[in-house]
Amino acid sequence: QVQLVESGGGLVQPGGSLRLSCAASGSMFNIYAMAWYRQAPGKQRELVARIGSSGITNYDDSVKDRFTISRDNAKNTVYLQMNSLKPEDTAVYYCNYIPFRGSWGQGTQVTVSS
């Protein structure tokens, strides 16, 4: 059974940084691409960043040059380093495999506000 546990969110001022972590269960973590998504109030969930099994990364234009996705296959964990945070980054952040496995985790709330 696949489980995903996101952590690391919090309240931060504009311009600040946070590092999110996603601990993933499930076999063969290392052969799957992984992604971070976010859902702001009243909006649809959107893909923010993805990392392939080889480490190749892709980002939504809204976070490019500010966010960095990485993975540690030995720990079955994917990270999202978020710098220069903006109020519009406020959302609940989720991770999952690509293609999607299991169900969504509980997410981690990120609030960017002064």
Protein backbone atom coordinates (compact mmCIF):
# COMPACT_ATOMS: atom_id res chain seq x y z
CA GLN A 1 0.00 0.00 0.00
CA VAL A 2 1.39 3.36 -1.03
CA GLN A 3 1.52 6.11 1.55
CA LEU A 4 2.85 9.63 1.20
CA VAL A 5 3.62 11.88 4.15
CA GLU A 6 4.36 15.53 3.47
CA SER A 7 5.99 17.80 6.03
CA GLY A 8 7.90 21.04 6.41
CA GLY A 9 5.22 23.62 5.74
CA GLY A 10 4.54 26.65 7.87
CA LEU A 11 4.08 30.39 8.01
CA VAL A 12 6.79 32.45 6.36
CA GLN A 13 7.20 36.07 5.35
CA PRO A 14 7.45 37.08 1.70
CA GLY A 15 10.97 36.49 0.48
CA GLY A 16 11.51 33.68 2.94
CA SER A 17 12.33 30.02 2.40
CA LEU A 18 10.96 26.63 3.33
CA ARG A 19 12.01 23.06 2.61
CA LEU A 20 9.28 20.50 2.17
CA SER A 21 9.80 16.76 2.52
CA CYS A 22 7.74 13.87 1.24
CA ALA A 23 8.34 10.40 2.63
CA ALA A 24 6.97 7.80 0.24
CA SER A 25 6.24 4.15 0.80
CA GLY A 26 5.84 1.70 -2.02
CA SER A 27 8.27 -0.46 -3.86
CA MET A 28 10.69 0.66 -6.53
CA PHE A 29 10.64 4.30 -5.51
CA ASN A 30 13.83 4.84 -7.47
CA ILE A 31 12.32 3.98 -10.85
CA TYR A 32 9.39 6.37 -10.60
CA ALA A 33 9.20 10.04 -11.36
CA MET A 34 7.91 12.10 -8.44
CA ALA A 35 6.09 15.40 -8.35
CA TRP A 36 5.00 18.18 -6.04
CA TYR A 37 1.56 19.70 -6.47
CA ARG A 38 -0.24 22.52 -4.69
CA GLN A 39 -3.82 23.56 -4.17
CA ALA A 40 -4.74 27.08 -3.15
CA PRO A 41 -8.16 27.89 -1.67
CA GLY A 42 -10.80 27.88 -4.37
CA LYS A 43 -8.41 26.68 -7.05
CA GLN A 44 -7.63 23.38 -8.70
CA ARG A 45 -4.61 21.35 -7.72
CA GLU A 46 -1.68 22.14 -9.98
CA LEU A 47 1.66 20.51 -10.68
CA VAL A 48 4.54 22.61 -9.40
CA ALA A 49 7.63 20.51 -10.05
CA ARG A 50 8.61 17.03 -11.10
CA ILE A 51 11.77 14.96 -11.01
CA GLY A 52 12.41 11.92 -13.12
CA SER A 53 14.06 8.71 -12.05
CA SER A 54 17.27 10.00 -13.63
CA GLY A 55 17.07 13.30 -11.79
CA ILE A 56 15.85 15.43 -14.66
CA THR A 57 13.63 18.21 -13.34
CA ASN A 58 10.81 20.33 -14.71
CA TYR A 59 9.05 23.30 -13.15
CA ASP A 60 5.93 25.32 -13.64
CA ASP A 61 6.83 28.78 -14.91
CA SER A 62 5.43 30.34 -11.74
CA VAL A 63 8.13 28.72 -9.57
CA LYS A 64 11.03 28.40 -11.98
CA ASP A 65 14.30 29.76 -10.58
CA ARG A 66 12.80 29.90 -7.07
CA PHE A 67 11.95 26.27 -6.26
CA THR A 68 14.21 23.20 -6.48
CA ILE A 69 13.00 19.63 -6.41
CA SER A 70 15.36 16.84 -5.41
CA ARG A 71 15.19 13.23 -4.30
CA ASP A 72 17.03 10.80 -2.04
CA ASN A 73 16.34 7.29 -3.29
CA ALA A 74 18.02 5.72 -0.25
CA LYS A 75 15.43 7.40 1.97
CA ASN A 76 12.44 7.16 -0.40
CA THR A 77 12.08 10.89 0.02
CA VAL A 78 11.53 13.81 -2.31
CA TYR A 79 12.18 17.41 -1.33
CA LEU A 80 11.06 20.84 -2.45
CA GLN A 81 13.32 23.75 -1.57
CA MET A 82 11.30 26.94 -1.89
CA ASN A 83 13.08 30.28 -1.94
CA SER A 84 11.92 33.86 -2.52
CA LEU A 85 8.42 32.86 -1.47
CA LYS A 86 5.50 35.02 -2.54
CA PRO A 87 1.98 35.33 -1.12
CA GLU A 88 0.65 33.58 -4.23
CA ASP A 89 2.64 30.49 -3.21
CA THR A 90 0.23 30.03 -0.31
CA ALA A 91 -1.38 26.61 -0.70
CA VAL A 92 -1.47 23.07 0.59
CA TYR A 93 1.41 21.17 -0.99
CA TYR A 94 1.19 17.49 -1.92
CA CYS A 95 3.48 14.95 -3.52
CA ASN A 96 2.85 11.78 -5.49
CA TYR A 97 4.37 9.40 -7.92
CA ILE A 98 4.14 9.80 -11.67
CA PRO A 99 2.05 7.98 -12.72
CA PHE A 100 -0.21 8.52 -9.73
CA ARG A 101 -0.12 5.80 -7.06
CA GLY A 102 -2.30 5.19 -4.05
CA SER A 103 -4.10 8.28 -2.81
CA TRP A 104 -3.23 11.84 -1.86
CA GLY A 105 -1.52 12.37 1.46
CA GLN A 106 -2.65 14.96 3.98
CA GLY A 107 -0.47 17.63 2.44
CA THR A 108 1.46 20.35 4.21
CA GLN A 109 0.21 23.93 4.50
CA VAL A 110 2.43 26.73 3.28
CA THR A 111 1.33 30.26 4.14
CA VAL A 112 3.29 33.25 2.88
CA SER A 113 2.21 36.40 4.63
CA SER A 114 3.62 39.41 6.41
